[in-house]
């Protein structure tokens, strides 16, 4: 089933940027671009012509009701407020679409609608990283991956926050129409055809909370000596404990091992250095305590989901 017919349901609390992404990709005809496909596109409300209150505070109306979804090859769900009620008619149409082999996709918090329809059960999925824990809690049968930009699990496509909806749309266009089409479309939209990494690189990673203050001085010392060659024996001596007792106490109070905690803080330092200045990768590796660019890259990719160079390209702001 090639996508030709696209329906976008809108509920009260819809977010306009995510709706705009879907309209830009699927609802805009470009007669000067014969390579790009055109779609039978419709925005659908619970009732045709009834006002829909957006998250931005104004109202809009849709020309079609939810019955229009029955003929869609793709039902695309923009983000909504997560406490917005989901009508049974919409969940019915979504389940029927999956049953007949159509695509369904969500952008950001639109995944909660798919969850209400039972379409995330047993499937890998994603949403904005700030909502991932809530999605997993509300729909425990879903396999929520908070680190990726989008997930396609058997024609149920979910994407992370806001601009990740563009990535998911371009992925779907690539899968349906090929690389030439998606490259041309991305050029018209002035976006990369495919972004590197996942949403790990956008997640704020605070210092892990400590449940007791026994090791507070040691943690502070570790944070101030990240560039040093720190061993478990050195830390145990600083804390006036045996190595075995220190390791046990450290896990009890931080929930992780000294090595894992230290690596995490070194990655955080490397992120700040990449964001704030033009030091070379080798120098950053030394200052952050990794010793070599190769070791920095290994741990950085594992923790952040992209390379140090890719992270710098995204987040470094050069002075005006």
Protein backbone atom coordinates (compact mmCIF):
# COMPACT_ATOMS: atom_id res chain seq x y z
CA UNK A 1 0.00 0.00 0.00
CA UNK A 2 1.72 3.17 -1.22
CA UNK A 3 0.76 6.29 0.72
CA UNK A 4 -1.51 8.55 -1.31
CA UNK A 5 -4.22 9.44 1.21
CA UNK A 6 -3.23 11.17 4.47
CA UNK A 7 -5.48 12.11 7.39
CA UNK A 8 -4.44 14.14 10.44
CA UNK A 9 -6.82 14.05 13.44
CA UNK A 10 -6.77 17.14 15.67
CA UNK A 11 -8.04 17.20 19.26
CA UNK A 12 -8.31 19.97 21.81
CA UNK A 13 -4.81 20.77 23.05
CA UNK A 14 -3.10 20.16 19.69
CA UNK A 15 0.37 21.71 19.31
CA UNK A 16 0.71 23.79 16.18
CA UNK A 17 4.38 23.24 15.31
CA UNK A 18 3.92 19.47 15.13
CA UNK A 19 0.69 19.90 13.15
CA UNK A 20 2.55 22.30 10.86
CA UNK A 21 5.26 19.71 10.19
CA UNK A 22 2.66 17.21 8.99
CA UNK A 23 0.96 19.86 6.83
CA UNK A 24 4.31 20.91 5.33
CA UNK A 25 5.36 17.38 4.37
CA UNK A 26 2.05 15.85 3.30
CA UNK A 27 -0.38 18.73 2.75
CA UNK A 28 1.56 21.11 0.52
CA UNK A 29 1.45 20.71 -3.26
CA UNK A 30 4.63 21.76 -5.08
CA UNK A 31 3.74 21.92 -8.79
CA UNK A 32 7.25 23.12 -9.65
CA UNK A 33 8.65 19.86 -8.23
CA UNK A 34 7.24 17.04 -10.40
CA UNK A 35 9.47 14.52 -8.62
CA UNK A 36 7.67 15.07 -5.31
CA UNK A 37 4.42 13.16 -4.70
CA UNK A 38 1.16 14.89 -3.86
CA UNK A 39 -1.35 13.53 -1.37
CA UNK A 40 -5.07 13.59 -0.78
CA UNK A 41 -4.65 15.41 2.54
CA UNK A 42 -7.24 16.16 5.21
CA UNK A 43 -7.23 17.60 8.73
CA UNK A 44 -10.01 15.95 10.72
CA UNK A 45 -11.83 17.00 13.89
CA UNK A 46 -14.13 14.99 16.09
CA UNK A 47 -16.92 16.85 14.30
CA UNK A 48 -16.52 18.62 10.96
CA UNK A 49 -16.53 22.38 11.40
CA UNK A 50 -16.46 22.23 15.22
CA UNK A 51 -13.88 24.51 16.90
CA UNK A 52 -10.69 22.84 18.14
CA UNK A 53 -8.80 24.65 20.89
CA UNK A 54 -5.05 24.63 20.26
CA UNK A 55 -2.33 24.56 22.91
CA UNK A 56 -1.38 28.08 21.75
CA UNK A 57 -4.72 29.47 22.92
CA UNK A 58 -6.59 30.02 19.65
CA UNK A 59 -9.18 27.86 17.92
CA UNK A 60 -9.22 26.24 14.51
CA UNK A 61 -11.74 24.21 12.57
CA UNK A 62 -11.36 21.08 10.47
CA UNK A 63 -13.39 20.41 7.33
CA UNK A 64 -13.68 16.66 7.97
CA UNK A 65 -14.76 14.42 10.83
CA UNK A 66 -13.09 11.21 12.00
CA UNK A 67 -14.90 9.06 9.43
CA UNK A 68 -12.42 10.47 6.91
CA UNK A 69 -9.70 8.35 8.60
CA UNK A 70 -11.28 5.14 7.25
CA UNK A 71 -9.86 5.77 3.76
CA UNK A 72 -6.39 6.95 4.84
CA UNK A 73 -3.16 5.17 3.93
CA UNK A 74 -1.49 7.18 6.70
CA UNK A 75 -3.01 8.57 9.90
CA UNK A 76 -0.59 11.07 11.43
CA UNK A 77 -1.05 12.31 15.00
CA UNK A 78 0.43 15.67 16.02
CA UNK A 79 1.40 16.37 19.62
CA UNK A 80 -1.37 17.08 22.12
CA UNK A 81 -1.62 17.88 25.80
CA UNK A 82 -1.08 14.56 27.54
CA UNK A 83 -4.26 14.89 29.61
CA UNK A 84 -6.46 15.55 26.57
CA UNK A 85 -9.35 13.06 26.34
CA UNK A 86 -9.09 10.68 23.40
CA UNK A 87 -12.47 9.81 21.82
CA UNK A 88 -13.31 6.17 21.32
CA UNK A 89 -14.06 6.88 17.64
CA UNK A 90 -10.42 7.86 17.10
CA UNK A 91 -8.95 4.82 18.83
CA UNK A 92 -11.30 2.62 16.79
CA UNK A 93 -10.13 4.20 13.52
CA UNK A 94 -6.47 3.81 14.50
CA UNK A 95 -6.85 0.12 15.32
CA UNK A 96 -8.77 -0.45 12.08
CA UNK A 97 -6.02 1.33 10.11
CA UNK A 98 -3.31 -0.93 11.53
CA UNK A 99 -5.47 -3.98 10.87
CA UNK A 100 -5.85 -3.10 7.17
CA UNK A 101 -2.10 -2.41 6.79
CA UNK A 102 -2.10 1.39 6.77
CA UNK A 103 0.60 3.48 8.45
CA UNK A 104 -0.05 5.28 11.71
CA UNK A 105 2.46 7.74 13.13
CA UNK A 106 2.76 10.12 16.05
CA UNK A 107 4.84 13.21 16.67
CA UNK A 108 6.05 13.84 20.23
CA UNK A 109 3.18 13.41 22.75
CA UNK A 110 0.90 12.10 20.01
CA UNK A 111 2.27 8.72 21.12
CA UNK A 112 -0.12 8.88 24.09
CA UNK A 113 -3.03 8.61 21.65
CA UNK A 114 -1.51 5.45 20.19
CA UNK A 115 -1.09 4.17 23.74
CA UNK A 116 -4.77 4.79 24.47
CA UNK A 117 -5.61 2.81 21.33
CA UNK A 118 -3.52 -0.14 22.59
CA UNK A 119 -1.20 0.13 19.60
CA UNK A 120 2.00 0.47 21.65
CA UNK A 121 1.50 -2.80 23.53
CA UNK A 122 4.37 -5.13 22.65
CA UNK A 123 5.88 -2.52 20.36
CA UNK A 124 9.07 -0.47 20.59
CA UNK A 125 8.23 3.24 20.55
CA UNK A 126 9.43 6.69 21.58
CA UNK A 127 8.28 10.18 22.52
CA UNK A 128 9.91 13.36 23.80
CA UNK A 129 12.54 12.40 26.38
CA UNK A 130 10.78 14.41 29.12
CA UNK A 131 7.61 12.32 28.61
CA UNK A 132 9.25 8.91 28.21
CA UNK A 133 8.89 7.81 31.84
CA UNK A 134 5.23 8.85 31.88
CA UNK A 135 4.55 6.99 28.64
CA UNK A 136 6.17 3.83 30.05
CA UNK A 137 4.23 4.19 33.31
CA UNK A 138 0.85 4.72 31.65
CA UNK A 139 1.35 1.96 29.08
CA UNK A 140 3.52 -0.69 30.78
CA UNK A 141 3.25 -3.12 27.84
CA UNK A 142 5.03 -0.62 25.58
CA UNK A 143 8.80 -0.83 25.02
CA UNK A 144 9.69 2.86 25.33
CA UNK A 145 13.10 3.91 23.99
CA UNK A 146 13.88 7.50 25.12
CA UNK A 147 17.18 7.74 23.22
CA UNK A 148 16.09 7.71 19.57
CA UNK A 149 14.60 10.27 17.18
CA UNK A 150 11.97 7.87 15.83
CA UNK A 151 10.96 4.20 15.83
CA UNK A 152 9.20 2.18 13.13
CA UNK A 153 7.68 -0.98 14.56
CA UNK A 154 5.64 -2.73 11.87
CA UNK A 155 4.13 0.45 10.36
CA UNK A 156 3.50 2.09 13.74
CA UNK A 157 5.89 5.04 13.60
CA UNK A 158 6.56 7.15 16.70
CA UNK A 159 8.88 10.14 16.95
CA UNK A 160 10.54 12.16 19.67
CA UNK A 161 9.90 15.81 20.44
CA UNK A 162 9.08 18.63 18.04
CA UNK A 163 11.66 18.67 15.20
CA UNK A 164 12.09 14.89 15.41
CA UNK A 165 8.73 14.77 13.67
CA UNK A 166 10.53 16.07 10.58
CA UNK A 167 13.03 13.20 10.85
CA UNK A 168 10.20 10.67 11.12
CA UNK A 169 8.35 12.16 8.14
CA UNK A 170 11.49 12.09 5.99
CA UNK A 171 12.14 8.49 7.05
CA UNK A 172 8.63 7.56 5.94
CA UNK A 173 9.04 9.40 2.63
CA UNK A 174 12.36 7.62 2.07
CA UNK A 175 10.78 4.24 2.79
CA UNK A 176 7.81 4.86 0.50
CA UNK A 177 9.34 6.90 -2.34
CA UNK A 178 13.12 6.46 -2.23
CA UNK A 179 16.25 8.50 -1.61
CA UNK A 180 15.92 10.91 -4.55
CA UNK A 181 12.51 12.09 -3.41
CA UNK A 182 13.47 12.58 0.23
CA UNK A 183 16.68 14.40 -0.69
CA UNK A 184 14.74 16.79 -2.90
CA UNK A 185 12.07 17.35 -0.25
CA UNK A 186 14.66 17.96 2.48
CA UNK A 187 16.39 20.51 0.26
CA UNK A 188 13.10 22.37 -0.23
CA UNK A 189 12.46 22.32 3.52
CA UNK A 190 16.06 23.43 4.24
CA UNK A 191 16.71 20.51 6.59
CA UNK A 192 19.20 17.61 6.48
CA UNK A 193 17.79 14.47 4.81
CA UNK A 194 18.91 12.46 7.84
CA UNK A 195 20.24 13.62 11.20
CA UNK A 196 22.99 11.83 13.09
CA UNK A 197 22.49 10.49 16.60
CA UNK A 198 19.39 10.33 18.74
CA UNK A 199 17.72 12.49 21.34
CA UNK A 200 20.22 11.36 24.01
CA UNK A 201 22.34 14.35 23.03
CA UNK A 202 19.51 16.74 24.02
CA UNK A 203 18.80 15.19 27.42
CA UNK A 204 19.83 17.20 30.45
CA UNK A 205 21.88 14.87 32.68
CA UNK A 206 22.15 16.24 36.23
CA UNK A 207 24.49 14.96 38.89
CA UNK A 208 23.01 11.70 40.23
CA UNK A 209 21.35 12.32 43.61
CA UNK A 210 23.15 11.02 46.70
CA UNK A 211 20.97 9.47 49.37
CA UNK A 212 23.43 10.04 52.26
CA UNK A 213 26.28 12.43 52.94
CA UNK A 214 28.97 9.92 53.90
CA UNK A 215 30.66 10.25 50.51
CA UNK A 216 29.84 13.90 49.79
CA UNK A 217 33.44 15.04 50.28
CA UNK A 218 34.74 12.19 48.12
CA UNK A 219 32.30 12.98 45.30
CA UNK A 220 33.33 16.62 45.44
CA UNK A 221 36.99 15.62 45.28
CA UNK A 222 36.31 13.33 42.31
CA UNK A 223 34.52 16.16 40.50
CA UNK A 224 37.51 18.45 41.03
CA UNK A 225 40.08 15.88 39.83
CA UNK A 226 38.45 14.44 36.71
CA UNK A 227 41.67 14.78 34.72
CA UNK A 228 43.61 12.64 37.23
CA UNK A 229 44.19 8.92 36.93
CA UNK A 230 41.81 7.94 39.73
CA UNK A 231 41.79 4.40 41.13
CA UNK A 232 39.43 2.68 43.54
CA UNK A 233 42.29 2.35 46.01
CA UNK A 234 42.92 6.11 45.85
CA UNK A 235 39.26 6.86 46.51
CA UNK A 236 39.02 4.36 49.35
CA UNK A 237 42.07 5.90 50.99
CA UNK A 238 40.58 9.38 50.67
CA UNK A 239 37.35 8.13 52.30
CA UNK A 240 39.30 6.22 55.01
CA UNK A 241 37.81 2.87 54.06
CA UNK A 242 38.97 -0.41 52.60
CA UNK A 243 38.50 -0.74 48.84
CA UNK A 244 35.77 -3.36 49.29
CA UNK A 245 33.86 -1.29 51.88
CA UNK A 246 34.18 1.84 49.75
CA UNK A 247 32.82 0.11 46.64
CA UNK A 248 29.86 -1.26 48.60
CA UNK A 249 29.13 2.10 50.27
CA UNK A 250 29.46 3.97 46.97
CA UNK A 251 26.86 1.81 45.24
CA UNK A 252 24.53 2.08 48.23
CA UNK A 253 24.69 5.87 48.23
CA UNK A 254 24.84 6.65 44.51
CA UNK A 255 23.20 3.62 42.90
CA UNK A 256 26.19 2.96 40.65
CA UNK A 257 29.87 2.06 40.66
CA UNK A 258 32.72 4.58 41.11
CA UNK A 259 33.90 3.92 37.54
CA UNK A 260 30.44 4.48 36.05
CA UNK A 261 29.89 7.66 38.09
CA UNK A 262 33.30 9.02 37.18
CA UNK A 263 32.83 8.27 33.49
CA UNK A 264 29.49 10.04 33.53
CA UNK A 265 30.99 13.17 35.08
CA UNK A 266 33.85 13.13 32.58
CA UNK A 267 31.37 12.94 29.70
CA UNK A 268 29.42 15.87 31.18
CA UNK A 269 32.65 17.89 31.41
CA UNK A 270 33.49 17.01 27.81
CA UNK A 271 30.03 18.18 26.74
CA UNK A 272 30.52 21.55 28.44
CA UNK A 273 33.96 21.98 26.87
CA UNK A 274 32.59 21.12 23.43
CA UNK A 275 29.76 23.64 23.88
CA UNK A 276 31.85 26.48 25.27
CA UNK A 277 35.13 26.64 23.39
CA UNK A 278 37.34 25.64 20.50
CA UNK A 279 39.75 23.28 22.28
CA UNK A 280 40.82 20.35 20.17
CA UNK A 281 39.31 16.93 20.81
CA UNK A 282 42.65 15.58 22.08
CA UNK A 283 42.93 18.41 24.61
CA UNK A 284 39.34 17.90 25.75
CA UNK A 285 40.07 14.20 26.20
CA UNK A 286 43.03 15.07 28.44
CA UNK A 287 41.17 17.68 30.50
CA UNK A 288 38.16 15.41 30.97
CA UNK A 289 40.33 12.51 32.09
CA UNK A 290 39.95 10.14 29.15
CA UNK A 291 43.55 10.43 28.06
CA UNK A 292 42.95 9.94 24.34
CA UNK A 293 40.47 11.08 21.72
CA UNK A 294 39.63 7.45 20.91
CA UNK A 295 38.62 6.68 24.50
CA UNK A 296 36.63 9.92 24.72
CA UNK A 297 34.79 9.03 21.52
CA UNK A 298 34.02 5.51 22.78
CA UNK A 299 32.44 6.69 26.02
CA UNK A 300 30.83 9.77 24.46
CA UNK A 301 29.00 7.78 21.79
CA UNK A 302 27.88 5.25 24.39
CA UNK A 303 26.52 7.91 26.76
CA UNK A 304 25.33 10.67 24.42
CA UNK A 305 24.49 8.80 21.23
CA UNK A 306 26.65 10.89 18.93
CA UNK A 307 30.34 11.65 18.43
CA UNK A 308 32.16 14.57 20.11
CA UNK A 309 32.53 16.20 16.69
CA UNK A 310 28.83 15.74 15.96
CA UNK A 311 27.90 17.12 19.36
CA UNK A 312 30.09 20.19 18.87
CA UNK A 313 28.60 20.81 15.44
CA UNK A 314 25.12 20.83 16.97
CA UNK A 315 25.67 22.71 20.23
CA UNK A 316 28.72 24.98 19.93
CA UNK A 317 27.73 28.64 19.51
CA UNK A 318 30.54 30.76 18.11
CA UNK A 319 30.85 34.28 19.54
CA UNK A 320 29.20 37.00 17.48
